[in-house]
Amino acid sequence: MRIAILGNGKMGKRISELAIERGHIISCKSSSKNPATNLDLSNSDIAIDFSTPTSAFNNISHALNSEIPVVSGTTAWLNKLEDITNLCKKKNGAFLYASNFSLSVNLFFVLNKQLAKLMKDHNYKTAIHEIHHSEKLDAPSGTAINIAKQMNEILEKETLITSERINNINGIHKVSYISDIDEIEIIHTAKNRDGFAIGAIIAAEWIIGKKGVFNIKDIFEQ
């Protein structure tokens, strides 16, 4: 594949490195001096967007208008997801969004869903705590928000989310079920960015040739 990198921060750089290792070509990449919306995407097979909440909508729109599929892992822009969905349908394009592309994080979702079902009829309070590096702009993380949505639907009550920003933390998510007697915790700790980057590349490989709007579950279900 010829991949356009929209957002060339730490994640974008790691995606580029791992994509080349997998035999792909980086056709173009954005920078502070050359924003993604200025890129000529005519020689790209797909765009991968890991940019910022303020630029993601325009970046994704530019790629869809350039008639190439888009994979996005940028968070905190989803108030405009419906607009992107409509544009994707209008262009008969392909778009995949996930708050987290890590295989192990998505297994974490499955484990926590089952645990929430088991705990529903017991008297436990719930809490989510997430920690990320200090450069992460949004809080709470998109992953924590999605975990909470999953739990709220099952438990029929709100789950508190707390956040920390600490240097050199790639991502920690802890879900707690708390009673006066005991406490159950499940924790996912990302040791580096590779799990997220490889997942995004796999998503890009998967979406080529498809039409429609997808999420990470569509990949794992196949």
N, C-alpha and C. Protein backbone atom coordinates (compact mmCIF):
# COMPACT_ATOMS: atom_id res chain seq x y z
N MET A 1 0.84 -1.20 0.00
CA MET A 1 0.00 0.00 0.00
C MET A 1 0.87 1.25 0.00
N ARG A 2 0.34 2.28 -0.59
CA ARG A 2 0.94 3.61 -0.51
C ARG A 2 0.12 4.39 0.51
N ILE A 3 0.74 4.72 1.64
CA ILE A 3 0.02 5.28 2.79
C ILE A 3 0.34 6.75 2.96
N ALA A 4 -0.70 7.57 3.10
CA ALA A 4 -0.55 8.97 3.48
C ALA A 4 -0.71 9.07 4.99
N ILE A 5 0.26 9.68 5.65
CA ILE A 5 0.23 9.84 7.10
C ILE A 5 -0.28 11.24 7.42
N LEU A 6 -1.46 11.31 8.02
CA LEU A 6 -2.08 12.59 8.38
C LEU A 6 -1.88 12.80 9.88
N GLY A 7 -0.90 13.62 10.21
CA GLY A 7 -0.52 13.80 11.61
C GLY A 7 0.77 13.05 11.87
N ASN A 8 1.88 13.78 11.84
CA ASN A 8 3.19 13.13 11.91
C ASN A 8 3.84 13.33 13.27
N GLY A 9 3.03 13.14 14.33
CA GLY A 9 3.57 13.16 15.68
C GLY A 9 4.20 11.83 16.02
N LYS A 10 4.27 11.51 17.31
CA LYS A 10 4.93 10.27 17.73
C LYS A 10 4.24 9.04 17.16
N MET A 11 2.91 9.03 17.17
CA MET A 11 2.18 7.89 16.61
C MET A 11 2.37 7.81 15.11
N GLY A 12 2.25 8.94 14.44
CA GLY A 12 2.41 8.96 12.98
C GLY A 12 3.79 8.47 12.57
N LYS A 13 4.81 8.90 13.30
CA LYS A 13 6.18 8.47 12.99
C LYS A 13 6.34 6.96 13.19
N ARG A 14 5.77 6.43 14.28
CA ARG A 14 5.92 4.99 14.53
C ARG A 14 5.14 4.17 13.51
N ILE A 15 3.97 4.65 13.12
CA ILE A 15 3.20 3.97 12.06
C ILE A 15 4.02 3.93 10.78
N SER A 16 4.66 5.04 10.44
CA SER A 16 5.50 5.08 9.23
C SER A 16 6.60 4.02 9.28
N GLU A 17 7.29 3.95 10.42
CA GLU A 17 8.40 3.00 10.56
C GLU A 17 7.93 1.55 10.43
N LEU A 18 6.84 1.23 11.12
CA LEU A 18 6.36 -0.15 11.10
C LEU A 18 5.72 -0.51 9.76
N ALA A 19 5.08 0.47 9.12
CA ALA A 19 4.48 0.21 7.80
C ALA A 19 5.57 -0.13 6.78
N ILE A 20 6.67 0.60 6.82
CA ILE A 20 7.79 0.31 5.92
C ILE A 20 8.34 -1.08 6.19
N GLU A 21 8.44 -1.46 7.47
CA GLU A 21 8.91 -2.81 7.82
C GLU A 21 7.99 -3.89 7.26
N ARG A 22 6.69 -3.57 7.13
CA ARG A 22 5.73 -4.53 6.60
C ARG A 22 5.65 -4.49 5.07
N GLY A 23 6.50 -3.69 4.44
CA GLY A 23 6.57 -3.67 2.99
C GLY A 23 5.73 -2.60 2.32
N HIS A 24 5.17 -1.68 3.09
CA HIS A 24 4.37 -0.60 2.53
C HIS A 24 5.23 0.62 2.22
N ILE A 25 4.64 1.56 1.50
CA ILE A 25 5.33 2.79 1.10
C ILE A 25 4.60 3.98 1.73
N ILE A 26 5.35 4.91 2.29
CA ILE A 26 4.76 6.16 2.78
C ILE A 26 4.77 7.15 1.62
N SER A 27 3.60 7.43 1.08
CA SER A 27 3.49 8.28 -0.11
C SER A 27 3.65 9.75 0.22
N CYS A 28 3.18 10.16 1.40
CA CYS A 28 3.31 11.55 1.85
C CYS A 28 2.96 11.61 3.32
N LYS A 29 3.38 12.68 3.95
CA LYS A 29 3.06 12.88 5.37
C LYS A 29 2.95 14.36 5.66
N SER A 30 2.09 14.69 6.60
CA SER A 30 1.90 16.09 6.96
C SER A 30 2.99 16.52 7.94
N SER A 31 3.09 17.83 8.12
CA SER A 31 4.02 18.40 9.10
C SER A 31 3.46 19.74 9.55
N SER A 32 4.13 20.37 10.49
CA SER A 32 3.66 21.68 10.97
C SER A 32 3.68 22.72 9.85
N LYS A 33 4.61 22.56 8.90
CA LYS A 33 4.70 23.49 7.78
C LYS A 33 3.86 23.06 6.58
N ASN A 34 3.44 21.83 6.57
CA ASN A 34 2.66 21.30 5.44
C ASN A 34 1.48 20.50 5.99
N PRO A 35 0.39 21.20 6.35
CA PRO A 35 -0.75 20.52 6.97
C PRO A 35 -1.37 19.47 6.05
N ALA A 36 -2.04 18.52 6.67
CA ALA A 36 -2.59 17.39 5.92
C ALA A 36 -3.54 17.82 4.81
N THR A 37 -4.27 18.90 5.04
CA THR A 37 -5.24 19.35 4.03
C THR A 37 -4.57 19.90 2.78
N ASN A 38 -3.26 20.14 2.83
CA ASN A 38 -2.52 20.61 1.65
C ASN A 38 -1.90 19.46 0.85
N LEU A 39 -1.97 18.25 1.38
CA LEU A 39 -1.31 17.13 0.71
C LEU A 39 -2.07 16.70 -0.54
N ASP A 40 -1.31 16.36 -1.57
CA ASP A 40 -1.88 15.75 -2.78
C ASP A 40 -1.96 14.24 -2.52
N LEU A 41 -3.17 13.72 -2.41
CA LEU A 41 -3.37 12.31 -2.06
C LEU A 41 -3.62 11.43 -3.27
N SER A 42 -3.42 11.97 -4.46
CA SER A 42 -3.76 11.22 -5.68
C SER A 42 -2.89 9.98 -5.86
N ASN A 43 -1.69 9.97 -5.26
CA ASN A 43 -0.81 8.81 -5.39
C ASN A 43 -0.85 7.90 -4.15
N SER A 44 -1.86 8.08 -3.31
CA SER A 44 -1.98 7.29 -2.09
C SER A 44 -3.14 6.30 -2.20
N ASP A 45 -2.95 5.13 -1.62
CA ASP A 45 -4.02 4.12 -1.58
C ASP A 45 -4.92 4.29 -0.38
N ILE A 46 -4.38 4.89 0.68
CA ILE A 46 -5.12 5.03 1.93
C ILE A 46 -4.47 6.12 2.77
N ALA A 47 -5.27 6.71 3.67
CA ALA A 47 -4.76 7.69 4.63
C ALA A 47 -4.95 7.15 6.04
N ILE A 48 -3.93 7.34 6.88
CA ILE A 48 -4.04 7.01 8.30
C ILE A 48 -3.91 8.31 9.08
N ASP A 49 -4.94 8.63 9.85
CA ASP A 49 -5.01 9.90 10.58
C ASP A 49 -4.79 9.68 12.08
N PHE A 50 -3.69 10.21 12.58
CA PHE A 50 -3.46 10.33 14.02
C PHE A 50 -2.99 11.76 14.24
N SER A 51 -3.94 12.68 14.21
CA SER A 51 -3.59 14.10 14.25
C SER A 51 -4.04 14.71 15.58
N THR A 52 -4.83 15.75 15.54
CA THR A 52 -5.32 16.41 16.75
C THR A 52 -6.83 16.56 16.67
N PRO A 53 -7.50 16.73 17.82
CA PRO A 53 -8.95 16.89 17.79
C PRO A 53 -9.43 18.04 16.91
N THR A 54 -8.64 19.10 16.81
CA THR A 54 -9.06 20.26 16.03
C THR A 54 -8.84 20.08 14.53
N SER A 55 -7.96 19.18 14.13
CA SER A 55 -7.66 19.02 12.70
C SER A 55 -8.23 17.74 12.10
N ALA A 56 -8.64 16.80 12.93
CA ALA A 56 -9.05 15.47 12.43
C ALA A 56 -10.18 15.56 11.42
N PHE A 57 -11.21 16.33 11.71
CA PHE A 57 -12.37 16.40 10.82
C PHE A 57 -11.95 16.87 9.43
N ASN A 58 -11.16 17.93 9.35
CA ASN A 58 -10.72 18.44 8.05
C ASN A 58 -9.80 17.45 7.34
N ASN A 59 -8.94 16.78 8.10
CA ASN A 59 -8.03 15.79 7.50
C ASN A 59 -8.81 14.63 6.89
N ILE A 60 -9.76 14.10 7.65
CA ILE A 60 -10.55 12.96 7.17
C ILE A 60 -11.39 13.37 5.97
N SER A 61 -11.99 14.55 6.04
CA SER A 61 -12.79 15.05 4.92
C SER A 61 -11.95 15.18 3.66
N HIS A 62 -10.73 15.69 3.82
CA HIS A 62 -9.83 15.85 2.67
C HIS A 62 -9.54 14.51 2.02
N ALA A 63 -9.29 13.49 2.82
CA ALA A 63 -9.00 12.16 2.27
C ALA A 63 -10.22 11.57 1.58
N LEU A 64 -11.38 11.68 2.20
CA LEU A 64 -12.60 11.14 1.58
C LEU A 64 -12.92 11.88 0.29
N ASN A 65 -12.73 13.19 0.29
CA ASN A 65 -12.95 13.96 -0.94
C ASN A 65 -11.93 13.62 -2.02
N SER A 66 -10.77 13.12 -1.59
CA SER A 66 -9.74 12.66 -2.54
C SER A 66 -9.99 11.22 -2.97
N GLU A 67 -11.08 10.65 -2.47
CA GLU A 67 -11.56 9.31 -2.87
C GLU A 67 -10.58 8.20 -2.50
N ILE A 68 -10.01 8.31 -1.29
CA ILE A 68 -9.23 7.20 -0.75
C ILE A 68 -9.79 6.86 0.63
N PRO A 69 -9.68 5.59 1.05
CA PRO A 69 -10.18 5.21 2.38
C PRO A 69 -9.35 5.83 3.49
N VAL A 70 -9.96 5.93 4.66
CA VAL A 70 -9.31 6.57 5.81
C VAL A 70 -9.44 5.69 7.05
N VAL A 71 -8.35 5.56 7.77
CA VAL A 71 -8.35 4.96 9.10
C VAL A 71 -7.94 6.05 10.08
N SER A 72 -8.73 6.26 11.13
CA SER A 72 -8.43 7.34 12.08
C SER A 72 -8.43 6.83 13.51
N GLY A 73 -7.40 7.23 14.26
CA GLY A 73 -7.33 6.94 15.68
C GLY A 73 -7.31 8.19 16.52
N THR A 74 -7.57 9.34 15.91
CA THR A 74 -7.64 10.60 16.65
C THR A 74 -8.91 10.62 17.48
N THR A 75 -8.81 11.09 18.72
CA THR A 75 -9.98 11.13 19.61
C THR A 75 -10.44 12.57 19.84
N ALA A 76 -11.60 12.68 20.48
CA ALA A 76 -12.17 13.96 20.93
C ALA A 76 -12.64 14.86 19.78
N TRP A 77 -13.08 14.26 18.68
CA TRP A 77 -13.67 15.04 17.58
C TRP A 77 -15.03 14.44 17.17
N LEU A 78 -15.54 13.49 17.93
CA LEU A 78 -16.66 12.67 17.48
C LEU A 78 -17.99 13.41 17.43
N ASN A 79 -18.02 14.65 17.87
CA ASN A 79 -19.23 15.45 17.67
C ASN A 79 -19.50 15.68 16.18
N LYS A 80 -18.48 15.43 15.34
CA LYS A 80 -18.64 15.58 13.89
C LYS A 80 -18.62 14.24 13.16
N LEU A 81 -18.74 13.15 13.91
CA LEU A 81 -18.70 11.82 13.29
C LEU A 81 -19.85 11.63 12.31
N GLU A 82 -21.02 12.15 12.64
CA GLU A 82 -22.16 12.00 11.73
C GLU A 82 -21.89 12.68 10.39
N ASP A 83 -21.23 13.84 10.43
CA ASP A 83 -20.88 14.54 9.19
C ASP A 83 -19.91 13.71 8.34
N ILE A 84 -18.94 13.07 9.00
CA ILE A 84 -18.00 12.22 8.27
C ILE A 84 -18.71 11.00 7.71
N THR A 85 -19.61 10.43 8.49
CA THR A 85 -20.38 9.27 8.02
C THR A 85 -21.17 9.62 6.76
N ASN A 86 -21.81 10.78 6.78
CA ASN A 86 -22.60 11.22 5.63
C ASN A 86 -21.71 11.48 4.41
N LEU A 87 -20.55 12.09 4.63
CA LEU A 87 -19.62 12.35 3.53
C LEU A 87 -19.10 11.04 2.95
N CYS A 88 -18.80 10.09 3.82
CA CYS A 88 -18.32 8.78 3.36
C CYS A 88 -19.35 8.10 2.47
N LYS A 89 -20.61 8.16 2.89
CA LYS A 89 -21.68 7.56 2.09
C LYS A 89 -21.86 8.30 0.76
N LYS A 90 -21.78 9.63 0.82
CA LYS A 90 -21.94 10.44 -0.39
C LYS A 90 -20.85 10.11 -1.41
N LYS A 91 -19.64 9.91 -0.94
CA LYS A 91 -18.49 9.63 -1.82
C LYS A 91 -18.34 8.14 -2.12
N ASN A 92 -19.23 7.32 -1.53
CA ASN A 92 -19.12 5.86 -1.66
C ASN A 92 -17.71 5.42 -1.27
N GLY A 93 -17.25 5.97 -0.14
CA GLY A 93 -15.90 5.71 0.32
C GLY A 93 -15.84 4.70 1.45
N ALA A 94 -14.72 4.71 2.15
CA ALA A 94 -14.51 3.79 3.27
C ALA A 94 -13.83 4.54 4.40
N PHE A 95 -14.34 4.33 5.61
CA PHE A 95 -13.81 5.01 6.79
C PHE A 95 -13.88 4.08 7.99
N LEU A 96 -12.80 4.01 8.75
CA LEU A 96 -12.77 3.21 9.97
C LEU A 96 -12.21 4.06 11.09
N TYR A 97 -12.97 4.13 12.19
CA TYR A 97 -12.52 4.87 13.37
C TYR A 97 -12.43 3.94 14.57
N ALA A 98 -11.41 4.12 15.38
CA ALA A 98 -11.31 3.43 16.66
C ALA A 98 -10.59 4.33 17.65
N SER A 99 -11.06 4.32 18.89
CA SER A 99 -10.36 5.07 19.93
C SER A 99 -9.07 4.38 20.34
N ASN A 100 -8.97 3.07 20.02
CA ASN A 100 -7.78 2.31 20.37
C ASN A 100 -7.64 1.12 19.43
N PHE A 101 -6.51 1.01 18.75
CA PHE A 101 -6.30 -0.05 17.77
C PHE A 101 -5.55 -1.26 18.33
N SER A 102 -5.20 -1.23 19.59
CA SER A 102 -4.45 -2.32 20.18
C SER A 102 -5.32 -3.57 20.31
N LEU A 103 -4.80 -4.72 19.85
CA LEU A 103 -5.52 -5.98 20.00
C LEU A 103 -5.80 -6.27 21.46
N SER A 104 -4.80 -6.08 22.32
CA SER A 104 -4.98 -6.41 23.73
C SER A 104 -5.99 -5.50 24.42
N VAL A 105 -6.05 -4.24 24.01
CA VAL A 105 -7.06 -3.34 24.58
C VAL A 105 -8.46 -3.80 24.19
N ASN A 106 -8.61 -4.25 22.97
CA ASN A 106 -9.93 -4.72 22.54
C ASN A 106 -10.30 -6.04 23.21
N LEU A 107 -9.32 -6.87 23.55
CA LEU A 107 -9.59 -8.04 24.40
C LEU A 107 -9.97 -7.59 25.81
N PHE A 108 -9.36 -6.51 26.28
CA PHE A 108 -9.69 -5.91 27.58
C PHE A 108 -11.17 -5.50 27.61
N PHE A 109 -11.66 -4.93 26.51
CA PHE A 109 -13.08 -4.59 26.39
C PHE A 109 -13.95 -5.83 26.57
N VAL A 110 -13.56 -6.92 25.92
CA VAL A 110 -14.34 -8.16 25.99
C VAL A 110 -14.36 -8.70 27.42
N LEU A 111 -13.20 -8.72 28.07
CA LEU A 111 -13.11 -9.22 29.44
C LEU A 111 -13.94 -8.36 30.39
N ASN A 112 -13.85 -7.04 30.24
CA ASN A 112 -14.59 -6.16 31.14
C ASN A 112 -16.10 -6.25 30.91
N LYS A 113 -16.50 -6.45 29.67
CA LYS A 113 -17.92 -6.62 29.38
C LYS A 113 -18.48 -7.83 30.12
N GLN A 114 -17.73 -8.93 30.08
CA GLN A 114 -18.17 -10.14 30.78
C GLN A 114 -18.17 -9.93 32.29
N LEU A 115 -17.15 -9.24 32.80
CA LEU A 115 -17.09 -8.98 34.24
C LEU A 115 -18.24 -8.09 34.69
N ALA A 116 -18.57 -7.08 33.90
CA ALA A 116 -19.69 -6.20 34.25
C ALA A 116 -21.00 -6.98 34.32
N LYS A 117 -21.19 -7.92 33.42
CA LYS A 117 -22.40 -8.75 33.45
C LYS A 117 -22.45 -9.59 34.72
N LEU A 118 -21.31 -10.13 35.13
CA LEU A 118 -21.25 -10.94 36.35
C LEU A 118 -21.49 -10.10 37.60
N MET A 119 -21.07 -8.83 37.57
CA MET A 119 -21.16 -7.98 38.76
C MET A 119 -22.46 -7.20 38.85
N LYS A 120 -23.29 -7.27 37.83
CA LYS A 120 -24.48 -6.42 37.75
C LYS A 120 -25.39 -6.56 38.96
N ASP A 121 -25.60 -7.75 39.45
CA ASP A 121 -26.56 -7.98 40.53
C ASP A 121 -25.92 -7.96 41.91
N HIS A 122 -24.70 -7.46 41.99
CA HIS A 122 -24.01 -7.38 43.28
C HIS A 122 -23.76 -5.91 43.63
N ASN A 123 -23.55 -5.65 44.89
CA ASN A 123 -23.47 -4.28 45.38
C ASN A 123 -22.04 -3.75 45.31
N TYR A 124 -21.62 -3.43 44.10
CA TYR A 124 -20.28 -2.89 43.88
C TYR A 124 -20.36 -1.54 43.18
N LYS A 125 -19.57 -0.59 43.67
CA LYS A 125 -19.38 0.66 42.96
C LYS A 125 -18.33 0.44 41.86
N THR A 126 -18.36 1.29 40.85
CA THR A 126 -17.41 1.12 39.74
C THR A 126 -16.63 2.41 39.49
N ALA A 127 -15.42 2.25 39.02
CA ALA A 127 -14.58 3.41 38.70
C ALA A 127 -13.59 3.04 37.61
N ILE A 128 -13.24 4.03 36.81
CA ILE A 128 -12.22 3.87 35.77
C ILE A 128 -11.15 4.94 36.00
N HIS A 129 -9.90 4.54 35.99
CA HIS A 129 -8.80 5.50 36.09
C HIS A 129 -7.86 5.28 34.91
N GLU A 130 -7.56 6.37 34.20
CA GLU A 130 -6.65 6.26 33.05
C GLU A 130 -5.49 7.22 33.20
N ILE A 131 -4.31 6.77 32.75
CA ILE A 131 -3.09 7.58 32.80
C ILE A 131 -2.45 7.57 31.42
N HIS A 132 -2.08 8.75 30.94
CA HIS A 132 -1.37 8.87 29.66
C HIS A 132 -0.25 9.90 29.79
N HIS A 133 0.55 9.97 28.76
CA HIS A 133 1.64 10.94 28.71
C HIS A 133 1.10 12.37 28.71
N SER A 134 1.92 13.29 29.14
CA SER A 134 1.49 14.67 29.34
C SER A 134 1.17 15.39 28.04
N GLU A 135 1.57 14.83 26.89
CA GLU A 135 1.28 15.47 25.61
C GLU A 135 -0.10 15.12 25.07
N LYS A 136 -0.76 14.15 25.67
CA LYS A 136 -2.11 13.78 25.21
C LYS A 136 -3.06 14.91 25.56
N LEU A 137 -3.75 15.43 24.54
CA LEU A 137 -4.52 16.65 24.70
C LEU A 137 -5.88 16.43 25.35
N ASP A 138 -6.50 15.27 25.12
CA ASP A 138 -7.86 15.06 25.63
C ASP A 138 -7.84 14.22 26.90
N ALA A 139 -8.79 14.52 27.78
CA ALA A 139 -8.99 13.75 29.00
C ALA A 139 -10.47 13.83 29.38
N PRO A 140 -11.09 12.71 29.70
CA PRO A 140 -10.51 11.36 29.73
C PRO A 140 -10.23 10.85 28.32
N SER A 141 -9.50 9.77 28.25
CA SER A 141 -9.16 9.18 26.95
C SER A 141 -10.39 8.61 26.27
N GLY A 142 -10.32 8.50 24.95
CA GLY A 142 -11.43 7.91 24.21
C GLY A 142 -11.68 6.47 24.63
N THR A 143 -10.60 5.75 24.96
CA THR A 143 -10.75 4.37 25.42
C THR A 143 -11.52 4.31 26.72
N ALA A 144 -11.17 5.19 27.67
CA ALA A 144 -11.88 5.21 28.96
C ALA A 144 -13.35 5.55 28.77
N ILE A 145 -13.64 6.49 27.89
CA ILE A 145 -15.03 6.87 27.62
C ILE A 145 -15.80 5.68 27.07
N ASN A 146 -15.20 4.93 26.15
CA ASN A 146 -15.88 3.77 25.57
C ASN A 146 -16.06 2.64 26.58
N ILE A 147 -15.08 2.45 27.46
CA ILE A 147 -15.23 1.46 28.53
C ILE A 147 -16.41 1.85 29.42
N ALA A 148 -16.50 3.13 29.77
CA ALA A 148 -17.59 3.60 30.62
C ALA A 148 -18.94 3.42 29.95
N LYS A 149 -19.03 3.72 28.66
CA LYS A 149 -20.29 3.53 27.94
C LYS A 149 -20.73 2.07 27.99
N GLN A 150 -19.77 1.19 27.77
CA GLN A 150 -20.05 -0.25 27.82
C GLN A 150 -20.58 -0.65 29.19
N MET A 151 -19.92 -0.18 30.24
CA MET A 151 -20.33 -0.52 31.61
C MET A 151 -21.67 0.09 31.97
N ASN A 152 -21.88 1.33 31.58
CA ASN A 152 -23.13 2.02 31.92
C ASN A 152 -24.34 1.31 31.32
N GLU A 153 -24.18 0.82 30.10
CA GLU A 153 -25.29 0.10 29.44
C GLU A 153 -25.62 -1.19 30.17
N ILE A 154 -24.60 -1.89 30.64
CA ILE A 154 -24.81 -3.17 31.31
C ILE A 154 -25.29 -2.98 32.74
N LEU A 155 -24.63 -2.09 33.47
CA LEU A 155 -24.91 -1.91 34.90
C LEU A 155 -26.06 -0.96 35.17
N GLU A 156 -26.43 -0.17 34.15
CA GLU A 156 -27.52 0.80 34.27
C GLU A 156 -27.25 1.83 35.35
N LYS A 157 -25.99 2.25 35.43
CA LYS A 157 -25.59 3.33 36.33
C LYS A 157 -24.30 3.95 35.80
N GLU A 158 -24.03 5.18 36.23
CA GLU A 158 -22.86 5.89 35.73
C GLU A 158 -21.58 5.40 36.41
N THR A 159 -20.52 5.35 35.64
CA THR A 159 -19.20 4.97 36.15
C THR A 159 -18.29 6.19 36.14
N LEU A 160 -17.68 6.49 37.27
CA LEU A 160 -16.78 7.64 37.39
C LEU A 160 -15.48 7.38 36.64
N ILE A 161 -15.03 8.38 35.87
CA ILE A 161 -13.73 8.31 35.19
C ILE A 161 -12.82 9.37 35.77
N THR A 162 -11.60 9.00 36.15
CA THR A 162 -10.59 9.96 36.56
C THR A 162 -9.37 9.81 35.65
N SER A 163 -8.61 10.90 35.51
CA SER A 163 -7.50 10.92 34.56
C SER A 163 -6.25 11.52 35.19
N GLU A 164 -5.10 11.06 34.73
CA GLU A 164 -3.81 11.65 35.07
C GLU A 164 -2.99 11.80 33.80
N ARG A 165 -2.13 12.83 33.78
CA ARG A 165 -1.19 13.01 32.68
C ARG A 165 0.21 13.08 33.26
N ILE A 166 1.04 12.09 32.92
CA ILE A 166 2.38 11.94 33.47
C ILE A 166 3.35 11.68 32.32
N ASN A 167 4.53 12.26 32.39
CA ASN A 167 5.52 12.07 31.32
C ASN A 167 5.84 10.59 31.10
N ASN A 168 5.97 10.23 29.82
CA ASN A 168 6.47 8.91 29.41
C ASN A 168 5.56 7.74 29.79
N ILE A 169 4.27 8.00 29.93
CA ILE A 169 3.30 6.92 30.15
C ILE A 169 2.54 6.72 28.84
N ASN A 170 2.64 5.54 28.25
CA ASN A 170 1.99 5.29 26.96
C ASN A 170 0.50 5.04 27.09
N GLY A 171 0.08 4.52 28.22
CA GLY A 171 -1.36 4.32 28.42
C GLY A 171 -1.63 3.25 29.46
N ILE A 172 -2.36 3.62 30.51
CA ILE A 172 -2.79 2.68 31.54
C ILE A 172 -4.28 2.88 31.76
N HIS A 173 -5.05 1.80 31.72
CA HIS A 173 -6.49 1.86 32.01
C HIS A 173 -6.80 0.84 33.10
N LYS A 174 -7.39 1.32 34.18
CA LYS A 174 -7.75 0.46 35.31
C LYS A 174 -9.25 0.57 35.57
N VAL A 175 -9.91 -0.58 35.60
CA VAL A 175 -11.34 -0.64 35.92
C VAL A 175 -11.47 -1.31 37.28
N SER A 176 -12.20 -0.67 38.19
CA SER A 176 -12.35 -1.18 39.56
C SER A 176 -13.81 -1.43 39.88
N TYR A 177 -14.07 -2.54 40.54
CA TYR A 177 -15.37 -2.87 41.11
C TYR A 177 -15.17 -2.95 42.62
N ILE A 178 -15.82 -2.05 43.37
CA ILE A 178 -15.46 -1.80 44.76
C ILE A 178 -16.66 -2.02 45.68
N SER A 179 -16.43 -2.77 46.76
CA SER A 179 -17.45 -2.94 47.80
C SER A 179 -16.80 -2.71 49.16
N ASP A 180 -17.60 -2.77 50.23
CA ASP A 180 -17.05 -2.63 51.58
C ASP A 180 -16.22 -3.85 51.98
N ILE A 181 -16.39 -4.94 51.25
CA ILE A 181 -15.72 -6.19 51.60
C ILE A 181 -14.43 -6.39 50.82
N ASP A 182 -14.47 -6.07 49.53
CA ASP A 182 -13.31 -6.33 48.69
C ASP A 182 -13.34 -5.46 47.44
N GLU A 183 -12.37 -5.66 46.59
CA GLU A 183 -12.25 -4.88 45.36
C GLU A 183 -11.66 -5.75 44.25
N ILE A 184 -12.25 -5.65 43.06
CA ILE A 184 -11.73 -6.35 41.89
C ILE A 184 -11.21 -5.30 40.90
N GLU A 185 -10.01 -5.52 40.38
CA GLU A 185 -9.43 -4.60 39.40
C GLU A 185 -8.95 -5.37 38.18
N ILE A 186 -9.17 -4.80 37.01
CA ILE A 186 -8.50 -5.28 35.81
C ILE A 186 -7.76 -4.10 35.20
N ILE A 187 -6.54 -4.35 34.75
CA ILE A 187 -5.66 -3.27 34.30
C ILE A 187 -5.03 -3.63 32.96
N HIS A 188 -5.01 -2.66 32.06
CA HIS A 188 -4.23 -2.80 30.83
C HIS A 188 -3.14 -1.73 30.83
N THR A 189 -1.91 -2.15 30.59
CA THR A 189 -0.77 -1.24 30.54
C THR A 189 -0.08 -1.38 29.19
N ALA A 190 0.00 -0.29 28.46
CA ALA A 190 0.73 -0.29 27.18
C ALA A 190 2.20 0.06 27.46
N LYS A 191 3.11 -0.82 27.06
CA LYS A 191 4.53 -0.59 27.31
C LYS A 191 5.16 0.33 26.27
N ASN A 192 4.58 0.37 25.08
CA ASN A 192 5.04 1.28 24.04
C ASN A 192 3.90 1.50 23.05
N ARG A 193 4.18 2.22 21.97
CA ARG A 193 3.13 2.57 21.01
C ARG A 193 2.92 1.50 19.92
N ASP A 194 3.74 0.47 19.93
CA ASP A 194 3.73 -0.46 18.81
C ASP A 194 2.40 -1.18 18.64
N GLY A 195 1.75 -1.54 19.74
CA GLY A 195 0.46 -2.22 19.64
C GLY A 195 -0.58 -1.38 18.93
N PHE A 196 -0.59 -0.08 19.24
CA PHE A 196 -1.54 0.83 18.59
C PHE A 196 -1.19 1.01 17.12
N ALA A 197 0.11 1.18 16.85
CA ALA A 197 0.56 1.44 15.47
C ALA A 197 0.31 0.25 14.57
N ILE A 198 0.67 -0.94 15.03
CA ILE A 198 0.46 -2.15 14.22
C ILE A 198 -1.03 -2.37 13.97
N GLY A 199 -1.85 -2.13 15.00
CA GLY A 199 -3.29 -2.27 14.83
C GLY A 199 -3.85 -1.35 13.77
N ALA A 200 -3.35 -0.11 13.73
CA ALA A 200 -3.81 0.84 12.72
C ALA A 200 -3.40 0.40 11.32
N ILE A 201 -2.19 -0.15 11.19
CA ILE A 201 -1.74 -0.64 9.88
C ILE A 201 -2.56 -1.84 9.44
N ILE A 202 -2.85 -2.74 10.36
CA ILE A 202 -3.70 -3.90 10.04
C ILE A 202 -5.08 -3.43 9.60
N ALA A 203 -5.61 -2.41 10.27
CA ALA A 203 -6.91 -1.85 9.88
C ALA A 203 -6.85 -1.28 8.47
N ALA A 204 -5.75 -0.60 8.14
CA ALA A 204 -5.59 -0.05 6.79
C ALA A 204 -5.51 -1.16 5.75
N GLU A 205 -4.79 -2.22 6.06
CA GLU A 205 -4.70 -3.35 5.14
C GLU A 205 -6.08 -3.99 4.94
N TRP A 206 -6.85 -4.05 6.01
CA TRP A 206 -8.16 -4.70 5.98
C TRP A 206 -9.19 -3.91 5.17
N ILE A 207 -9.15 -2.58 5.26
CA ILE A 207 -10.22 -1.76 4.68
C ILE A 207 -10.07 -1.56 3.17
N ILE A 208 -8.88 -1.81 2.64
CA ILE A 208 -8.67 -1.64 1.19
C ILE A 208 -9.68 -2.50 0.42
N GLY A 209 -10.37 -1.87 -0.53
CA GLY A 209 -11.34 -2.58 -1.36
C GLY A 209 -12.74 -2.62 -0.78
N LYS A 210 -12.92 -2.08 0.43
CA LYS A 210 -14.24 -2.09 1.06
C LYS A 210 -14.90 -0.72 0.94
N LYS A 211 -16.21 -0.70 1.14
CA LYS A 211 -16.98 0.54 1.14
C LYS A 211 -17.84 0.58 2.40
N GLY A 212 -17.92 1.76 3.01
CA GLY A 212 -18.77 1.91 4.18
C GLY A 212 -18.02 2.47 5.37
N VAL A 213 -18.72 2.54 6.49
CA VAL A 213 -18.17 3.04 7.75
C VAL A 213 -18.01 1.87 8.71
N PHE A 214 -16.82 1.73 9.28
CA PHE A 214 -16.49 0.55 10.08
C PHE A 214 -15.90 0.96 11.42
N ASN A 215 -15.83 -0.02 12.33
CA ASN A 215 -15.10 0.16 13.57
C ASN A 215 -14.20 -1.06 13.81
N ILE A 216 -13.46 -1.03 14.89
CA ILE A 216 -12.46 -2.07 15.13
C ILE A 216 -13.10 -3.44 15.29
N LYS A 217 -14.34 -3.50 15.77
CA LYS A 217 -15.00 -4.79 15.95
C LYS A 217 -15.19 -5.51 14.62
N ASP A 218 -15.38 -4.75 13.56
CA ASP A 218 -15.58 -5.37 12.24
C ASP A 218 -14.36 -6.18 11.82
N ILE A 219 -13.18 -5.72 12.20
CA ILE A 219 -11.95 -6.44 11.86
C ILE A 219 -11.85 -7.73 12.65
N PHE A 220 -12.08 -7.64 13.96
CA PHE A 220 -11.91 -8.81 14.82
C PHE A 220 -12.98 -9.86 14.56
N GLU A 221 -14.16 -9.43 14.11
CA GLU A 221 -15.23 -10.38 13.83
C GLU A 221 -14.94 -11.21 12.59
N GLN A 222 -14.01 -10.75 11.75
CA GLN A 222 -13.63 -11.51 10.57
C GLN A 222 -12.32 -12.26 10.78
